[in-house]
Amino acid sequence: MNTETIILTGVVFIVFTALLTLFSYLQQQSSWKGVIIDKEYEKAKVSDEGGTDEQFKLVCKTDAGKNITIGIFKEDYEFFTVGDRVEKKKGSYVPTRIE
């Protein structure tokens, strides 16, 4: 590998890492209240060997009228039901059920 390839690889890695960090930070800093309007489940083939990847998502309508889709773990997916009133607090990645 020549020097240009090493530098380019380093720059791409740094930019990618910075974007992931920014996305994570912004997601963690948001706060809202709303209602779960849908639950989504996707099973995608990952490898030729037959491995699969499961994705669990909640679709929430905030009190401000915005639809937000968030990825969650299977345990959290099973805990929530459509119609639950939820609150996503600043500093948390997953909303909590509220009464």
C-alpha atoms as a PDB file:
ATOM      1  CA  MET A   1       0.000   0.000   0.000  1.00  0.00           C
ATOM      2  CA  ASN A   2       1.251   3.407  -0.834  1.00  0.00           C
ATOM      3  CA  THR A   3       1.052   6.505   1.356  1.00  0.00           C
ATOM      4  CA  GLU A   4      -1.915   8.009  -0.528  1.00  0.00           C
ATOM      5  CA  THR A   5      -4.017   4.883   0.023  1.00  0.00           C
ATOM      6  CA  ILE A   6      -3.208   4.827   3.726  1.00  0.00           C
ATOM      7  CA  ILE A   7      -4.094   8.507   4.117  1.00  0.00           C
ATOM      8  CA  LEU A   8      -7.348   8.124   2.156  1.00  0.00           C
ATOM      9  CA  THR A   9      -8.341   5.101   4.238  1.00  0.00           C
ATOM     10  CA  GLY A  10      -7.641   7.055   7.429  1.00  0.00           C
ATOM     11  CA  VAL A  11      -9.699  10.033   6.270  1.00  0.00           C
ATOM     12  CA  VAL A  12     -12.657   7.825   5.300  1.00  0.00           C
ATOM     13  CA  PHE A  13     -12.490   6.064   8.683  1.00  0.00           C
ATOM     14  CA  ILE A  14     -12.395   9.366  10.588  1.00  0.00           C
ATOM     15  CA  VAL A  15     -15.317  10.860   8.625  1.00  0.00           C
ATOM     16  CA  PHE A  16     -17.404   7.694   9.045  1.00  0.00           C
ATOM     17  CA  THR A  17     -16.687   7.567  12.783  1.00  0.00           C
ATOM     18  CA  ALA A  18     -17.510  11.269  13.183  1.00  0.00           C
ATOM     19  CA  LEU A  19     -20.863  10.848  11.404  1.00  0.00           C
ATOM     20  CA  LEU A  20     -21.831   7.864  13.561  1.00  0.00           C
ATOM     21  CA  THR A  21     -20.858   9.761  16.699  1.00  0.00           C
ATOM     22  CA  LEU A  22     -22.895  12.801  15.639  1.00  0.00           C
ATOM     23  CA  PHE A  23     -25.951  10.685  14.818  1.00  0.00           C
ATOM     24  CA  SER A  24     -25.735   8.892  18.171  1.00  0.00           C
ATOM     25  CA  TYR A  25     -25.315  12.188  20.045  1.00  0.00           C
ATOM     26  CA  LEU A  26     -28.295  13.815  18.328  1.00  0.00           C
ATOM     27  CA  GLN A  27     -30.489  10.773  18.971  1.00  0.00           C
ATOM     28  CA  GLN A  28     -29.541  10.756  22.635  1.00  0.00           C
ATOM     29  CA  GLN A  29     -30.157  14.501  23.043  1.00  0.00           C
ATOM     30  CA  SER A  30     -33.714  14.457  21.687  1.00  0.00           C
ATOM     31  CA  SER A  31     -36.721  14.384  23.980  1.00  0.00           C
ATOM     32  CA  TRP A  32     -40.396  14.007  23.160  1.00  0.00           C
ATOM     33  CA  LYS A  33     -43.716  12.503  24.223  1.00  0.00           C
ATOM     34  CA  GLY A  34     -46.083  10.612  21.988  1.00  0.00           C
ATOM     35  CA  VAL A  35     -47.999   7.441  21.150  1.00  0.00           C
ATOM     36  CA  ILE A  36     -46.824   4.228  19.504  1.00  0.00           C
ATOM     37  CA  ILE A  37     -48.726   3.970  16.219  1.00  0.00           C
ATOM     38  CA  ASP A  38     -46.972   0.920  14.729  1.00  0.00           C
ATOM     39  CA  LYS A  39     -44.422  -1.789  15.448  1.00  0.00           C
ATOM     40  CA  GLU A  40     -42.197  -3.008  12.618  1.00  0.00           C
ATOM     41  CA  TYR A  41     -40.256  -6.243  12.367  1.00  0.00           C
ATOM     42  CA  GLU A  42     -37.825  -7.064   9.589  1.00  0.00           C
ATOM     43  CA  LYS A  43     -35.904 -10.262   9.043  1.00  0.00           C
ATOM     44  CA  ALA A  44     -33.108  -9.819   6.525  1.00  0.00           C
ATOM     45  CA  LYS A  45     -30.748 -12.384   5.071  1.00  0.00           C
ATOM     46  CA  VAL A  46     -27.222 -11.414   6.025  1.00  0.00           C
ATOM     47  CA  SER A  47     -24.974 -14.085   4.599  1.00  0.00           C
ATOM     48  CA  ASP A  48     -24.865 -16.826   2.007  1.00  0.00           C
ATOM     49  CA  GLU A  49     -24.629 -19.332   4.853  1.00  0.00           C
ATOM     50  CA  GLY A  50     -28.211 -18.528   5.818  1.00  0.00           C
ATOM     51  CA  GLY A  51     -27.578 -16.192   8.739  1.00  0.00           C
ATOM     52  CA  THR A  52     -30.294 -13.648   9.437  1.00  0.00           C
ATOM     53  CA  ASP A  53     -30.520 -10.292  11.119  1.00  0.00           C
ATOM     54  CA  GLU A  54     -33.671  -9.223  12.932  1.00  0.00           C
ATOM     55  CA  GLN A  55     -34.600  -5.565  13.247  1.00  0.00           C
ATOM     56  CA  PHE A  56     -37.244  -4.321  15.665  1.00  0.00           C
ATOM     57  CA  LYS A  57     -38.667  -0.808  15.351  1.00  0.00           C
ATOM     58  CA  LEU A  58     -41.290   1.362  16.979  1.00  0.00           C
ATOM     59  CA  VAL A  59     -43.102   4.068  15.029  1.00  0.00           C
ATOM     60  CA  CYS A  60     -44.216   6.876  17.324  1.00  0.00           C
ATOM     61  CA  LYS A  61     -46.294   9.965  16.653  1.00  0.00           C
ATOM     62  CA  THR A  62     -45.080  12.783  18.874  1.00  0.00           C
ATOM     63  CA  ASP A  63     -47.360  15.312  20.516  1.00  0.00           C
ATOM     64  CA  ALA A  64     -45.929  17.784  17.966  1.00  0.00           C
ATOM     65  CA  GLY A  65     -47.316  15.598  15.141  1.00  0.00           C
ATOM     66  CA  LYS A  66     -43.981  14.218  13.903  1.00  0.00           C
ATOM     67  CA  ASN A  67     -43.562  10.490  13.144  1.00  0.00           C
ATOM     68  CA  ILE A  68     -40.372   9.006  14.594  1.00  0.00           C
ATOM     69  CA  THR A  69     -39.074   5.495  13.924  1.00  0.00           C
ATOM     70  CA  ILE A  70     -36.584   4.080  16.406  1.00  0.00           C
ATOM     71  CA  GLY A  71     -34.717   0.783  16.405  1.00  0.00           C
ATOM     72  CA  ILE A  72     -34.902  -1.166  19.646  1.00  0.00           C
ATOM     73  CA  PHE A  73     -33.922  -4.542  21.113  1.00  0.00           C
ATOM     74  CA  LYS A  74     -36.292  -7.509  20.905  1.00  0.00           C
ATOM     75  CA  GLU A  75     -37.032  -7.378  24.651  1.00  0.00           C
ATOM     76  CA  ASP A  76     -38.132  -3.733  24.386  1.00  0.00           C
ATOM     77  CA  TYR A  77     -40.141  -4.506  21.235  1.00  0.00           C
ATOM     78  CA  GLU A  78     -42.116  -7.165  23.097  1.00  0.00           C
ATOM     79  CA  PHE A  79     -42.690  -4.826  26.078  1.00  0.00           C
ATOM     80  CA  PHE A  80     -44.451  -2.082  24.080  1.00  0.00           C
ATOM     81  CA  THR A  81     -47.838  -2.297  22.349  1.00  0.00           C
ATOM     82  CA  VAL A  82     -49.492  -0.078  19.749  1.00  0.00           C
ATOM     83  CA  GLY A  83     -51.380   2.683  21.557  1.00  0.00           C
ATOM     84  CA  ASP A  84     -48.931   2.962  24.461  1.00  0.00           C
ATOM     85  CA  ARG A  85     -48.192   6.512  25.541  1.00  0.00           C
ATOM     86  CA  VAL A  86     -44.406   6.941  25.711  1.00  0.00           C
ATOM     87  CA  GLU A  87     -41.796   9.519  26.630  1.00  0.00           C
ATOM     88  CA  LYS A  88     -38.256   9.681  25.243  1.00  0.00           C
ATOM     89  CA  LYS A  89     -36.108  11.613  27.722  1.00  0.00           C
ATOM     90  CA  LYS A  90     -32.910  13.445  26.890  1.00  0.00           C
ATOM     91  CA  GLY A  91     -29.945  11.153  27.555  1.00  0.00           C
ATOM     92  CA  SER A  92     -31.856   7.954  26.774  1.00  0.00           C
ATOM     93  CA  TYR A  93     -32.025   5.991  23.546  1.00  0.00           C
ATOM     94  CA  VAL A  94     -35.319   4.163  24.238  1.00  0.00           C
ATOM     95  CA  PRO A  95     -38.617   5.711  25.316  1.00  0.00           C
ATOM     96  CA  THR A  96     -40.412   4.658  28.481  1.00  0.00           C
ATOM     97  CA  ARG A  97     -44.091   3.896  28.837  1.00  0.00           C
ATOM     98  CA  ILE A  98     -46.063   6.564  30.701  1.00  0.00           C
ATOM     99  CA  GLU A  99     -49.628   6.603  31.977  1.00  0.00           C
END
